[in-house]
Structures are given as structure tokens and as C-alpha cells.
Amino acid sequence: MAQSEQEILEGLAEIVNEETGLDTASVEMDKSFTEDLDIDSLSMMTIVVNAEEKFGVRIPDSEVKNLKTVRDAVTFISSAQG
């Protein structure tokens, strides 16, 4: 069953927290991974792999560069689950 965007956001926040130590509350829809959350490309790849496992989706490398904000990632995961 597809998860709601809120559930995906919460799950993604947990993954970001595990990888970077950032507070889950700081992972908000309109935050940029690189500019607001200061996530580098190596951490981003780990987050992507963990998100694929957690949400049961495939995020192609070609798509990762398009996931600039948390909302981009949540929207992609949501549509990939559907």
C-alpha cells in the first residue's frame, strides 16, 4: 500500500537523521538537501539507497540529481510507490 506524503516525509527524516545526525524536525518539505540541510553527494547516495530499501522503490542515478528538495524526494517516492 502506498504511503501518504506525511509518512514518506517522516521516514525520510529518520533516514537523514541516521546518516547525518540532523534533527528529524529540521527535515521539512521545502528544505534543499544541499543548501539547507548541508548534505554532501556521498551522504545523499546513502540516503537514496536507504530510502529505496525503506520505501520499496527504485531511484535511478539519473533521477537523484533532480531531487534537490525534500519535497522532490517525497513526490518521487510517492509516485514510484503508486
N, C-alpha and C. Protein backbone atom coordinates (compact mmCIF):
# COMPACT_ATOMS: atom_id res chain seq x y z
N MET A 1 0.83 -1.19 0.00
CA MET A 1 0.00 0.00 0.00
C MET A 1 0.88 1.25 0.00
N ALA A 2 0.54 2.18 -0.84
CA ALA A 2 1.32 3.42 -0.93
C ALA A 2 1.15 4.21 0.36
N GLN A 3 2.21 4.86 0.74
CA GLN A 3 2.19 5.66 1.96
C GLN A 3 1.83 7.09 1.63
N SER A 4 1.30 7.80 2.61
CA SER A 4 0.98 9.22 2.42
C SER A 4 2.28 10.02 2.36
N GLU A 5 2.19 11.22 1.83
CA GLU A 5 3.37 12.07 1.76
C GLU A 5 3.91 12.35 3.16
N GLN A 6 3.02 12.47 4.14
CA GLN A 6 3.46 12.72 5.52
C GLN A 6 4.26 11.53 6.04
N GLU A 7 3.80 10.32 5.76
CA GLU A 7 4.52 9.11 6.19
C GLU A 7 5.89 9.02 5.51
N ILE A 8 5.93 9.36 4.22
CA ILE A 8 7.19 9.34 3.48
C ILE A 8 8.14 10.38 4.07
N LEU A 9 7.62 11.58 4.34
CA LEU A 9 8.43 12.65 4.92
C LEU A 9 9.03 12.19 6.25
N GLU A 10 8.22 11.57 7.09
CA GLU A 10 8.71 11.11 8.40
C GLU A 10 9.78 10.04 8.23
N GLY A 11 9.56 9.11 7.30
CA GLY A 11 10.53 8.06 7.05
C GLY A 11 11.83 8.61 6.50
N LEU A 12 11.70 9.57 5.59
CA LEU A 12 12.88 10.21 5.00
C LEU A 12 13.65 10.98 6.07
N ALA A 13 12.93 11.66 6.96
CA ALA A 13 13.57 12.41 8.04
C ALA A 13 14.38 11.47 8.94
N GLU A 14 13.84 10.28 9.20
CA GLU A 14 14.56 9.29 10.01
C GLU A 14 15.85 8.85 9.31
N ILE A 15 15.77 8.63 8.00
CA ILE A 15 16.95 8.22 7.23
C ILE A 15 18.01 9.33 7.26
N VAL A 16 17.58 10.57 7.05
CA VAL A 16 18.51 11.71 7.07
C VAL A 16 19.14 11.82 8.46
N ASN A 17 18.34 11.63 9.49
CA ASN A 17 18.85 11.69 10.87
C ASN A 17 19.91 10.63 11.11
N GLU A 18 19.65 9.41 10.65
CA GLU A 18 20.60 8.32 10.83
C GLU A 18 21.92 8.60 10.10
N GLU A 19 21.83 9.19 8.92
CA GLU A 19 23.02 9.43 8.10
C GLU A 19 23.80 10.66 8.57
N THR A 20 23.09 11.71 8.98
CA THR A 20 23.76 12.99 9.21
C THR A 20 23.70 13.47 10.66
N GLY A 21 22.80 12.89 11.45
CA GLY A 21 22.62 13.37 12.82
C GLY A 21 21.72 14.59 12.92
N LEU A 22 21.19 15.06 11.79
CA LEU A 22 20.28 16.20 11.81
C LEU A 22 18.99 15.82 12.54
N ASP A 23 18.42 16.75 13.26
CA ASP A 23 17.16 16.54 13.94
C ASP A 23 16.08 16.27 12.89
N THR A 24 15.25 15.27 13.13
CA THR A 24 14.20 14.93 12.16
C THR A 24 13.26 16.11 11.91
N ALA A 25 13.07 16.96 12.91
CA ALA A 25 12.18 18.12 12.75
C ALA A 25 12.73 19.13 11.75
N SER A 26 14.05 19.08 11.49
CA SER A 26 14.63 20.04 10.54
C SER A 26 14.45 19.60 9.09
N VAL A 27 14.00 18.36 8.88
CA VAL A 27 13.79 17.85 7.53
C VAL A 27 12.35 18.20 7.12
N GLU A 28 12.23 19.34 6.44
CA GLU A 28 10.92 19.85 6.04
C GLU A 28 10.81 19.85 4.52
N MET A 29 9.57 19.83 4.04
CA MET A 29 9.30 19.69 2.61
C MET A 29 10.07 20.69 1.73
N ASP A 30 10.17 21.93 2.15
CA ASP A 30 10.77 22.95 1.29
C ASP A 30 12.26 23.14 1.50
N LYS A 31 12.88 22.27 2.29
CA LYS A 31 14.32 22.38 2.53
C LYS A 31 15.10 21.74 1.37
N SER A 32 16.19 22.40 0.99
CA SER A 32 17.11 21.86 0.00
C SER A 32 18.07 20.93 0.70
N PHE A 33 18.31 19.76 0.11
CA PHE A 33 19.25 18.81 0.71
C PHE A 33 20.64 19.41 0.86
N THR A 34 21.12 20.08 -0.19
CA THR A 34 22.49 20.58 -0.16
C THR A 34 22.60 21.93 0.54
N GLU A 35 21.71 22.86 0.24
CA GLU A 35 21.86 24.22 0.77
C GLU A 35 21.35 24.34 2.20
N ASP A 36 20.15 23.82 2.48
CA ASP A 36 19.56 23.98 3.82
C ASP A 36 20.04 22.91 4.80
N LEU A 37 20.16 21.68 4.33
CA LEU A 37 20.50 20.58 5.23
C LEU A 37 21.98 20.21 5.16
N ASP A 38 22.72 20.82 4.21
CA ASP A 38 24.17 20.63 4.11
C ASP A 38 24.55 19.15 3.93
N ILE A 39 23.82 18.47 3.05
CA ILE A 39 24.09 17.06 2.79
C ILE A 39 24.96 16.96 1.54
N ASP A 40 26.11 16.29 1.67
CA ASP A 40 27.01 16.16 0.52
C ASP A 40 26.57 14.99 -0.37
N SER A 41 27.21 14.87 -1.51
CA SER A 41 26.79 13.87 -2.50
C SER A 41 26.95 12.44 -1.99
N LEU A 42 27.97 12.19 -1.19
CA LEU A 42 28.17 10.84 -0.65
C LEU A 42 27.05 10.48 0.32
N SER A 43 26.74 11.40 1.22
CA SER A 43 25.63 11.15 2.15
C SER A 43 24.31 11.01 1.40
N MET A 44 24.15 11.81 0.35
CA MET A 44 22.91 11.75 -0.43
C MET A 44 22.74 10.37 -1.06
N MET A 45 23.83 9.79 -1.55
CA MET A 45 23.73 8.45 -2.16
C MET A 45 23.33 7.42 -1.11
N THR A 46 23.86 7.55 0.11
CA THR A 46 23.49 6.64 1.19
C THR A 46 22.02 6.81 1.53
N ILE A 47 21.56 8.06 1.58
CA ILE A 47 20.15 8.34 1.88
C ILE A 47 19.26 7.73 0.80
N VAL A 48 19.67 7.87 -0.47
CA VAL A 48 18.90 7.30 -1.58
C VAL A 48 18.79 5.78 -1.45
N VAL A 49 19.91 5.12 -1.19
CA VAL A 49 19.91 3.65 -1.05
C VAL A 49 19.00 3.23 0.10
N ASN A 50 19.12 3.92 1.23
CA ASN A 50 18.28 3.60 2.38
C ASN A 50 16.80 3.87 2.10
N ALA A 51 16.52 4.93 1.36
CA ALA A 51 15.13 5.25 1.00
C ALA A 51 14.56 4.19 0.06
N GLU A 52 15.38 3.71 -0.87
CA GLU A 52 14.93 2.65 -1.78
C GLU A 52 14.52 1.42 -0.98
N GLU A 53 15.34 1.06 0.00
CA GLU A 53 15.04 -0.11 0.83
C GLU A 53 13.80 0.12 1.68
N LYS A 54 13.73 1.27 2.33
CA LYS A 54 12.64 1.57 3.25
C LYS A 54 11.28 1.64 2.54
N PHE A 55 11.27 2.26 1.35
CA PHE A 55 10.00 2.51 0.67
C PHE A 55 9.72 1.53 -0.47
N GLY A 56 10.66 0.64 -0.74
CA GLY A 56 10.44 -0.36 -1.79
C GLY A 56 10.34 0.25 -3.18
N VAL A 57 11.14 1.26 -3.44
CA VAL A 57 11.13 1.91 -4.76
C VAL A 57 12.55 1.89 -5.34
N ARG A 58 12.64 2.17 -6.63
CA ARG A 58 13.93 2.29 -7.30
C ARG A 58 14.10 3.75 -7.67
N ILE A 59 15.22 4.34 -7.25
CA ILE A 59 15.52 5.73 -7.61
C ILE A 59 16.76 5.69 -8.50
N PRO A 60 16.56 5.80 -9.82
CA PRO A 60 17.70 5.74 -10.74
C PRO A 60 18.69 6.87 -10.49
N ASP A 61 19.97 6.57 -10.73
CA ASP A 61 21.01 7.59 -10.55
C ASP A 61 20.69 8.86 -11.34
N SER A 62 20.07 8.68 -12.51
CA SER A 62 19.74 9.83 -13.34
C SER A 62 18.69 10.73 -12.68
N GLU A 63 17.91 10.19 -11.75
CA GLU A 63 16.88 10.96 -11.05
C GLU A 63 17.43 11.66 -9.82
N VAL A 64 18.48 11.11 -9.23
CA VAL A 64 18.98 11.64 -7.96
C VAL A 64 19.32 13.12 -8.07
N LYS A 65 19.91 13.52 -9.20
CA LYS A 65 20.31 14.93 -9.36
C LYS A 65 19.09 15.86 -9.40
N ASN A 66 17.91 15.31 -9.71
CA ASN A 66 16.69 16.12 -9.75
C ASN A 66 16.04 16.26 -8.37
N LEU A 67 16.52 15.49 -7.40
CA LEU A 67 15.95 15.54 -6.06
C LEU A 67 16.68 16.60 -5.24
N LYS A 68 16.32 17.85 -5.51
CA LYS A 68 17.02 18.96 -4.87
C LYS A 68 16.43 19.29 -3.50
N THR A 69 15.13 19.14 -3.36
CA THR A 69 14.48 19.46 -2.09
C THR A 69 13.86 18.19 -1.50
N VAL A 70 13.53 18.28 -0.24
CA VAL A 70 12.86 17.16 0.43
C VAL A 70 11.54 16.86 -0.30
N ARG A 71 10.83 17.91 -0.72
CA ARG A 71 9.57 17.71 -1.45
C ARG A 71 9.79 16.92 -2.74
N ASP A 72 10.88 17.21 -3.45
CA ASP A 72 11.19 16.47 -4.68
C ASP A 72 11.29 14.97 -4.39
N ALA A 73 11.99 14.64 -3.31
CA ALA A 73 12.20 13.24 -2.95
C ALA A 73 10.88 12.59 -2.53
N VAL A 74 10.11 13.29 -1.71
CA VAL A 74 8.82 12.75 -1.24
C VAL A 74 7.89 12.51 -2.43
N THR A 75 7.83 13.48 -3.34
CA THR A 75 6.97 13.35 -4.52
C THR A 75 7.41 12.19 -5.40
N PHE A 76 8.72 12.05 -5.60
CA PHE A 76 9.24 10.96 -6.42
C PHE A 76 8.90 9.60 -5.80
N ILE A 77 9.16 9.46 -4.50
CA ILE A 77 8.89 8.20 -3.81
C ILE A 77 7.40 7.88 -3.85
N SER A 78 6.58 8.90 -3.63
CA SER A 78 5.13 8.71 -3.65
C SER A 78 4.65 8.21 -5.00
N SER A 79 5.15 8.83 -6.08
CA SER A 79 4.72 8.41 -7.43
C SER A 79 5.30 7.05 -7.79
N ALA A 80 6.49 6.73 -7.29
CA ALA A 80 7.11 5.44 -7.59
C ALA A 80 6.38 4.30 -6.87
N GLN A 81 5.78 4.60 -5.73
CA GLN A 81 5.03 3.58 -5.00
C GLN A 81 3.68 3.30 -5.64
N GLY A 82 3.13 4.33 -6.30
CA GLY A 82 1.79 4.22 -6.85
C GLY A 82 1.76 3.23 -7.96
